[in-house]
Amino acid sequence: MKIRDLDIRYWMKNLNAKQINANSVNYWHIDINNEVFIELEFGRGKKVFSVEFLQQEPGLGVFSYTHGLPTQFLESFIKLAKSFVSENGPDWNSIVKHNEHFRDYITRKTGLNFTFF
């Protein structure tokens, strides 16, 4: 399946994502709540993407980075990211204190193993 830039733009619009770099469709920002957002980065060919959980306040924490998620399940992974924050949060300190990484959460919830990063 070939994924085009137009496909990415369409999906990101439906997920209320903001494009980080106007010159590239590979980098996106999605607010989860007032304290947490995720950055998505699409890999070469756009067949996989990475998710990074960050604190809304600039310059502060990166909590969990998961790489190699299949783009065809993008919407499902974004829903999982939102439930990850609501179950482990809702604020940044609670998420960090809970100390469960997103890739482990995916495995616990779905049985899929994305332990590579």
N, C-alpha and C. Protein backbone atom coordinates (compact mmCIF):
# COMPACT_ATOMS: atom_id res chain seq x y z
N MET A 1 0.84 -1.17 0.00
CA MET A 1 0.00 0.00 0.00
C MET A 1 0.89 1.24 0.00
N LYS A 2 0.72 2.08 -0.98
CA LYS A 2 1.48 3.33 -1.06
C LYS A 2 0.71 4.41 -0.31
N ILE A 3 1.40 5.07 0.59
CA ILE A 3 0.80 6.15 1.35
C ILE A 3 1.34 7.47 0.82
N ARG A 4 0.44 8.33 0.43
CA ARG A 4 0.82 9.60 -0.17
C ARG A 4 0.75 10.72 0.86
N ASP A 5 1.41 11.84 0.56
CA ASP A 5 1.34 13.01 1.43
C ASP A 5 -0.11 13.45 1.64
N LEU A 6 -0.90 13.36 0.58
CA LEU A 6 -2.31 13.73 0.65
C LEU A 6 -3.05 12.87 1.66
N ASP A 7 -2.74 11.57 1.72
CA ASP A 7 -3.35 10.67 2.70
C ASP A 7 -3.03 11.12 4.12
N ILE A 8 -1.76 11.43 4.36
CA ILE A 8 -1.32 11.86 5.68
C ILE A 8 -2.05 13.14 6.09
N ARG A 9 -2.11 14.10 5.18
CA ARG A 9 -2.80 15.37 5.49
C ARG A 9 -4.26 15.13 5.83
N TYR A 10 -4.92 14.26 5.10
CA TYR A 10 -6.33 13.95 5.34
C TYR A 10 -6.51 13.32 6.72
N TRP A 11 -5.69 12.32 7.04
CA TRP A 11 -5.79 11.64 8.34
C TRP A 11 -5.51 12.61 9.48
N MET A 12 -4.49 13.42 9.32
CA MET A 12 -4.12 14.35 10.39
C MET A 12 -5.20 15.41 10.60
N LYS A 13 -5.83 15.86 9.53
CA LYS A 13 -6.93 16.82 9.66
C LYS A 13 -8.06 16.19 10.47
N ASN A 14 -8.38 14.94 10.20
CA ASN A 14 -9.44 14.26 10.93
C ASN A 14 -9.09 14.02 12.40
N LEU A 15 -7.80 14.01 12.72
CA LEU A 15 -7.35 13.82 14.10
C LEU A 15 -7.04 15.14 14.80
N ASN A 16 -7.39 16.26 14.17
CA ASN A 16 -7.13 17.59 14.71
C ASN A 16 -5.66 17.82 15.02
N ALA A 17 -4.81 17.31 14.18
CA ALA A 17 -3.36 17.47 14.36
C ALA A 17 -2.89 18.77 13.72
N LYS A 18 -1.79 19.28 14.26
CA LYS A 18 -1.17 20.48 13.70
C LYS A 18 0.15 20.08 13.06
N GLN A 19 0.37 20.58 11.87
CA GLN A 19 1.62 20.30 11.17
C GLN A 19 2.74 21.12 11.81
N ILE A 20 3.83 20.46 12.20
CA ILE A 20 4.93 21.14 12.88
C ILE A 20 5.80 21.90 11.89
N ASN A 21 6.08 21.30 10.77
CA ASN A 21 6.95 21.90 9.76
C ASN A 21 6.16 22.05 8.47
N ALA A 22 5.94 23.26 8.05
CA ALA A 22 5.13 23.51 6.85
C ALA A 22 5.72 22.89 5.59
N ASN A 23 7.01 22.61 5.60
CA ASN A 23 7.67 22.04 4.43
C ASN A 23 7.67 20.52 4.41
N SER A 24 7.14 19.89 5.45
CA SER A 24 7.18 18.43 5.53
C SER A 24 5.90 17.90 6.16
N VAL A 25 5.33 16.88 5.55
CA VAL A 25 4.14 16.25 6.13
C VAL A 25 4.52 15.15 7.12
N ASN A 26 5.79 15.03 7.43
CA ASN A 26 6.25 13.94 8.29
C ASN A 26 6.16 14.24 9.78
N TYR A 27 5.91 15.49 10.19
CA TYR A 27 5.94 15.85 11.60
C TYR A 27 4.64 16.53 12.02
N TRP A 28 3.99 15.97 13.08
CA TRP A 28 2.68 16.46 13.51
C TRP A 28 2.61 16.53 15.03
N HIS A 29 1.70 17.36 15.52
CA HIS A 29 1.49 17.61 16.95
C HIS A 29 0.00 17.39 17.22
N ILE A 30 -0.31 16.58 18.23
CA ILE A 30 -1.70 16.37 18.64
C ILE A 30 -1.80 16.61 20.14
N ASP A 31 -2.65 17.56 20.54
CA ASP A 31 -2.90 17.80 21.96
C ASP A 31 -3.75 16.67 22.52
N ILE A 32 -3.31 16.12 23.65
CA ILE A 32 -4.10 15.10 24.34
C ILE A 32 -4.95 15.77 25.41
N ASN A 33 -4.33 16.63 26.20
CA ASN A 33 -5.04 17.44 27.20
C ASN A 33 -4.21 18.70 27.43
N ASN A 34 -4.50 19.43 28.52
CA ASN A 34 -3.79 20.68 28.78
C ASN A 34 -2.33 20.49 29.14
N GLU A 35 -1.95 19.30 29.58
CA GLU A 35 -0.57 19.07 30.02
C GLU A 35 0.26 18.19 29.09
N VAL A 36 -0.40 17.41 28.26
CA VAL A 36 0.32 16.41 27.47
C VAL A 36 -0.05 16.53 25.99
N PHE A 37 0.95 16.40 25.14
CA PHE A 37 0.70 16.27 23.71
C PHE A 37 1.60 15.19 23.16
N ILE A 38 1.29 14.76 21.96
CA ILE A 38 2.16 13.79 21.29
C ILE A 38 2.66 14.39 19.99
N GLU A 39 3.86 14.01 19.64
CA GLU A 39 4.41 14.34 18.34
C GLU A 39 4.49 13.06 17.54
N LEU A 40 4.05 13.14 16.31
CA LEU A 40 4.12 12.00 15.40
C LEU A 40 5.15 12.30 14.33
N GLU A 41 5.93 11.31 14.02
CA GLU A 41 6.90 11.43 12.94
C GLU A 41 6.73 10.23 12.02
N PHE A 42 6.47 10.49 10.76
CA PHE A 42 6.32 9.42 9.79
C PHE A 42 7.67 9.10 9.19
N GLY A 43 7.97 7.82 9.07
CA GLY A 43 9.24 7.39 8.50
C GLY A 43 9.23 7.46 6.99
N ARG A 44 10.36 7.13 6.42
CA ARG A 44 10.51 7.12 4.96
C ARG A 44 9.47 6.17 4.36
N GLY A 45 8.78 6.61 3.37
CA GLY A 45 7.73 5.82 2.75
C GLY A 45 6.42 5.88 3.51
N LYS A 46 6.45 6.46 4.70
CA LYS A 46 5.27 6.70 5.53
C LYS A 46 4.54 5.43 5.93
N LYS A 47 5.21 4.28 5.89
CA LYS A 47 4.56 3.02 6.28
C LYS A 47 4.57 2.81 7.79
N VAL A 48 5.48 3.49 8.48
CA VAL A 48 5.52 3.43 9.94
C VAL A 48 5.64 4.84 10.50
N PHE A 49 5.28 4.97 11.78
CA PHE A 49 5.42 6.27 12.43
C PHE A 49 5.88 6.07 13.86
N SER A 50 6.35 7.14 14.45
CA SER A 50 6.81 7.16 15.83
C SER A 50 5.91 8.08 16.63
N VAL A 51 5.75 7.76 17.91
CA VAL A 51 4.96 8.59 18.82
C VAL A 51 5.85 8.98 19.99
N GLU A 52 5.84 10.26 20.31
CA GLU A 52 6.61 10.77 21.44
C GLU A 52 5.65 11.57 22.33
N PHE A 53 5.58 11.21 23.61
CA PHE A 53 4.74 11.93 24.57
C PHE A 53 5.56 13.05 25.19
N LEU A 54 5.02 14.26 25.16
CA LEU A 54 5.73 15.44 25.66
C LEU A 54 4.83 16.26 26.57
N GLN A 55 5.48 17.04 27.42
CA GLN A 55 4.75 17.94 28.30
C GLN A 55 4.47 19.24 27.56
N GLN A 56 3.26 19.79 27.76
CA GLN A 56 2.86 21.01 27.04
C GLN A 56 3.79 22.18 27.33
N GLU A 57 4.31 22.28 28.54
CA GLU A 57 5.19 23.40 28.89
C GLU A 57 6.51 23.24 28.14
N PRO A 58 6.90 24.22 27.34
CA PRO A 58 8.11 24.09 26.52
C PRO A 58 9.36 23.78 27.33
N GLY A 59 10.19 22.94 26.77
CA GLY A 59 11.47 22.63 27.39
C GLY A 59 11.41 21.55 28.45
N LEU A 60 10.22 21.06 28.75
CA LEU A 60 10.11 20.03 29.78
C LEU A 60 9.86 18.68 29.15
N GLY A 61 9.89 17.68 29.98
CA GLY A 61 9.94 16.27 29.74
C GLY A 61 9.44 15.62 28.48
N VAL A 62 10.21 14.64 28.10
CA VAL A 62 9.79 13.62 27.14
C VAL A 62 9.59 12.38 27.97
N PHE A 63 8.43 11.75 27.85
CA PHE A 63 8.23 10.58 28.68
C PHE A 63 8.42 9.27 27.93
N SER A 64 7.73 9.09 26.85
CA SER A 64 7.74 7.78 26.20
C SER A 64 7.89 7.97 24.69
N TYR A 65 8.77 7.19 24.11
CA TYR A 65 9.00 7.24 22.67
C TYR A 65 8.81 5.83 22.13
N THR A 66 7.95 5.68 21.17
CA THR A 66 7.70 4.38 20.55
C THR A 66 7.83 4.53 19.05
N HIS A 67 8.62 3.67 18.44
CA HIS A 67 8.93 3.76 17.01
C HIS A 67 8.42 2.51 16.30
N GLY A 68 8.13 2.66 15.02
CA GLY A 68 7.81 1.51 14.18
C GLY A 68 6.36 1.08 14.20
N LEU A 69 5.46 1.99 14.54
CA LEU A 69 4.04 1.64 14.54
C LEU A 69 3.51 1.71 13.11
N PRO A 70 2.75 0.70 12.68
CA PRO A 70 2.25 0.69 11.30
C PRO A 70 1.24 1.80 11.04
N THR A 71 1.46 2.58 10.01
CA THR A 71 0.60 3.71 9.69
C THR A 71 -0.83 3.28 9.38
N GLN A 72 -1.02 2.09 8.88
CA GLN A 72 -2.38 1.65 8.54
C GLN A 72 -3.29 1.60 9.77
N PHE A 73 -2.70 1.57 10.97
CA PHE A 73 -3.49 1.55 12.21
C PHE A 73 -3.38 2.87 12.96
N LEU A 74 -3.07 3.95 12.25
CA LEU A 74 -2.82 5.25 12.84
C LEU A 74 -3.94 5.68 13.80
N GLU A 75 -5.16 5.66 13.34
CA GLU A 75 -6.28 6.13 14.16
C GLU A 75 -6.41 5.31 15.44
N SER A 76 -6.23 4.01 15.34
CA SER A 76 -6.31 3.15 16.53
C SER A 76 -5.22 3.48 17.53
N PHE A 77 -4.00 3.74 17.05
CA PHE A 77 -2.91 4.07 17.95
C PHE A 77 -3.12 5.43 18.61
N ILE A 78 -3.73 6.38 17.91
CA ILE A 78 -4.01 7.68 18.52
C ILE A 78 -5.06 7.51 19.61
N LYS A 79 -6.08 6.69 19.38
CA LYS A 79 -7.07 6.41 20.43
C LYS A 79 -6.40 5.75 21.63
N LEU A 80 -5.48 4.83 21.39
CA LEU A 80 -4.73 4.20 22.48
C LEU A 80 -3.89 5.23 23.22
N ALA A 81 -3.29 6.17 22.51
CA ALA A 81 -2.48 7.21 23.15
C ALA A 81 -3.35 8.05 24.09
N LYS A 82 -4.55 8.38 23.66
CA LYS A 82 -5.45 9.17 24.50
C LYS A 82 -5.88 8.38 25.73
N SER A 83 -6.18 7.09 25.56
CA SER A 83 -6.57 6.28 26.73
C SER A 83 -5.37 6.04 27.64
N PHE A 84 -4.17 5.95 27.07
CA PHE A 84 -2.94 5.81 27.86
C PHE A 84 -2.79 7.00 28.82
N VAL A 85 -3.01 8.20 28.30
CA VAL A 85 -2.89 9.40 29.13
C VAL A 85 -4.00 9.44 30.17
N SER A 86 -5.24 9.12 29.80
CA SER A 86 -6.33 9.20 30.77
C SER A 86 -6.20 8.13 31.85
N GLU A 87 -5.69 6.95 31.53
CA GLU A 87 -5.52 5.90 32.54
C GLU A 87 -4.31 6.14 33.43
N ASN A 88 -3.25 6.70 32.89
CA ASN A 88 -2.02 6.88 33.66
C ASN A 88 -1.86 8.30 34.19
N GLY A 89 -2.71 9.19 33.82
CA GLY A 89 -2.58 10.61 34.17
C GLY A 89 -3.62 11.04 35.16
N PRO A 90 -4.26 12.11 34.89
CA PRO A 90 -4.29 12.86 33.64
C PRO A 90 -3.17 13.90 33.51
N ASP A 91 -2.44 14.15 34.59
CA ASP A 91 -1.40 15.17 34.49
C ASP A 91 -0.03 14.52 34.25
N TRP A 92 0.91 15.35 33.86
CA TRP A 92 2.24 14.88 33.47
C TRP A 92 2.93 14.11 34.59
N ASN A 93 2.90 14.64 35.81
CA ASN A 93 3.58 13.99 36.93
C ASN A 93 3.02 12.60 37.21
N SER A 94 1.71 12.45 37.09
CA SER A 94 1.09 11.13 37.30
C SER A 94 1.53 10.14 36.24
N ILE A 95 1.63 10.59 35.02
CA ILE A 95 2.06 9.71 33.93
C ILE A 95 3.49 9.23 34.17
N VAL A 96 4.37 10.15 34.54
CA VAL A 96 5.77 9.79 34.79
C VAL A 96 5.86 8.87 36.00
N LYS A 97 5.10 9.18 37.04
CA LYS A 97 5.13 8.38 38.27
C LYS A 97 4.62 6.96 38.01
N HIS A 98 3.62 6.83 37.17
CA HIS A 98 3.06 5.51 36.85
C HIS A 98 4.08 4.64 36.14
N ASN A 99 4.97 5.27 35.37
CA ASN A 99 6.13 4.62 34.73
C ASN A 99 5.78 3.46 33.80
N GLU A 100 4.71 3.59 33.05
CA GLU A 100 4.39 2.60 32.02
C GLU A 100 4.63 3.27 30.67
N HIS A 101 5.45 2.66 29.85
CA HIS A 101 5.72 3.23 28.53
C HIS A 101 4.61 2.85 27.55
N PHE A 102 4.41 3.68 26.56
CA PHE A 102 3.33 3.48 25.60
C PHE A 102 3.43 2.14 24.90
N ARG A 103 4.63 1.73 24.53
CA ARG A 103 4.78 0.44 23.83
C ARG A 103 4.32 -0.72 24.72
N ASP A 104 4.56 -0.62 26.05
CA ASP A 104 4.09 -1.65 26.98
C ASP A 104 2.57 -1.59 27.13
N TYR A 105 2.03 -0.39 27.11
CA TYR A 105 0.59 -0.20 27.18
C TYR A 105 -0.09 -0.83 25.96
N ILE A 106 0.49 -0.62 24.78
CA ILE A 106 -0.06 -1.23 23.56
C ILE A 106 -0.10 -2.74 23.71
N THR A 107 1.00 -3.32 24.20
CA THR A 107 1.07 -4.77 24.37
C THR A 107 0.02 -5.24 25.37
N ARG A 108 -0.12 -4.53 26.48
CA ARG A 108 -1.08 -4.92 27.52
C ARG A 108 -2.51 -4.84 27.00
N LYS A 109 -2.82 -3.82 26.22
CA LYS A 109 -4.20 -3.62 25.74
C LYS A 109 -4.55 -4.46 24.51
N THR A 110 -3.58 -4.73 23.65
CA THR A 110 -3.90 -5.37 22.37
C THR A 110 -3.25 -6.73 22.17
N GLY A 111 -2.21 -7.01 22.93
CA GLY A 111 -1.46 -8.24 22.71
C GLY A 111 -0.39 -8.09 21.65
N LEU A 112 -0.34 -6.94 20.97
CA LEU A 112 0.69 -6.68 19.97
C LEU A 112 1.97 -6.25 20.67
N ASN A 113 3.10 -6.70 20.17
CA ASN A 113 4.37 -6.41 20.81
C ASN A 113 5.18 -5.42 19.97
N PHE A 114 5.32 -4.21 20.48
CA PHE A 114 6.13 -3.17 19.83
C PHE A 114 7.24 -2.76 20.78
N THR A 115 8.08 -3.71 21.16
CA THR A 115 9.12 -3.42 22.14
C THR A 115 10.35 -2.78 21.54
N PHE A 116 10.47 -2.76 20.21
CA PHE A 116 11.63 -2.12 19.60
C PHE A 116 11.42 -0.61 19.60
N PHE A 117 12.50 0.12 19.72
CA PHE A 117 12.40 1.58 19.74
C PHE A 117 13.64 2.21 19.21
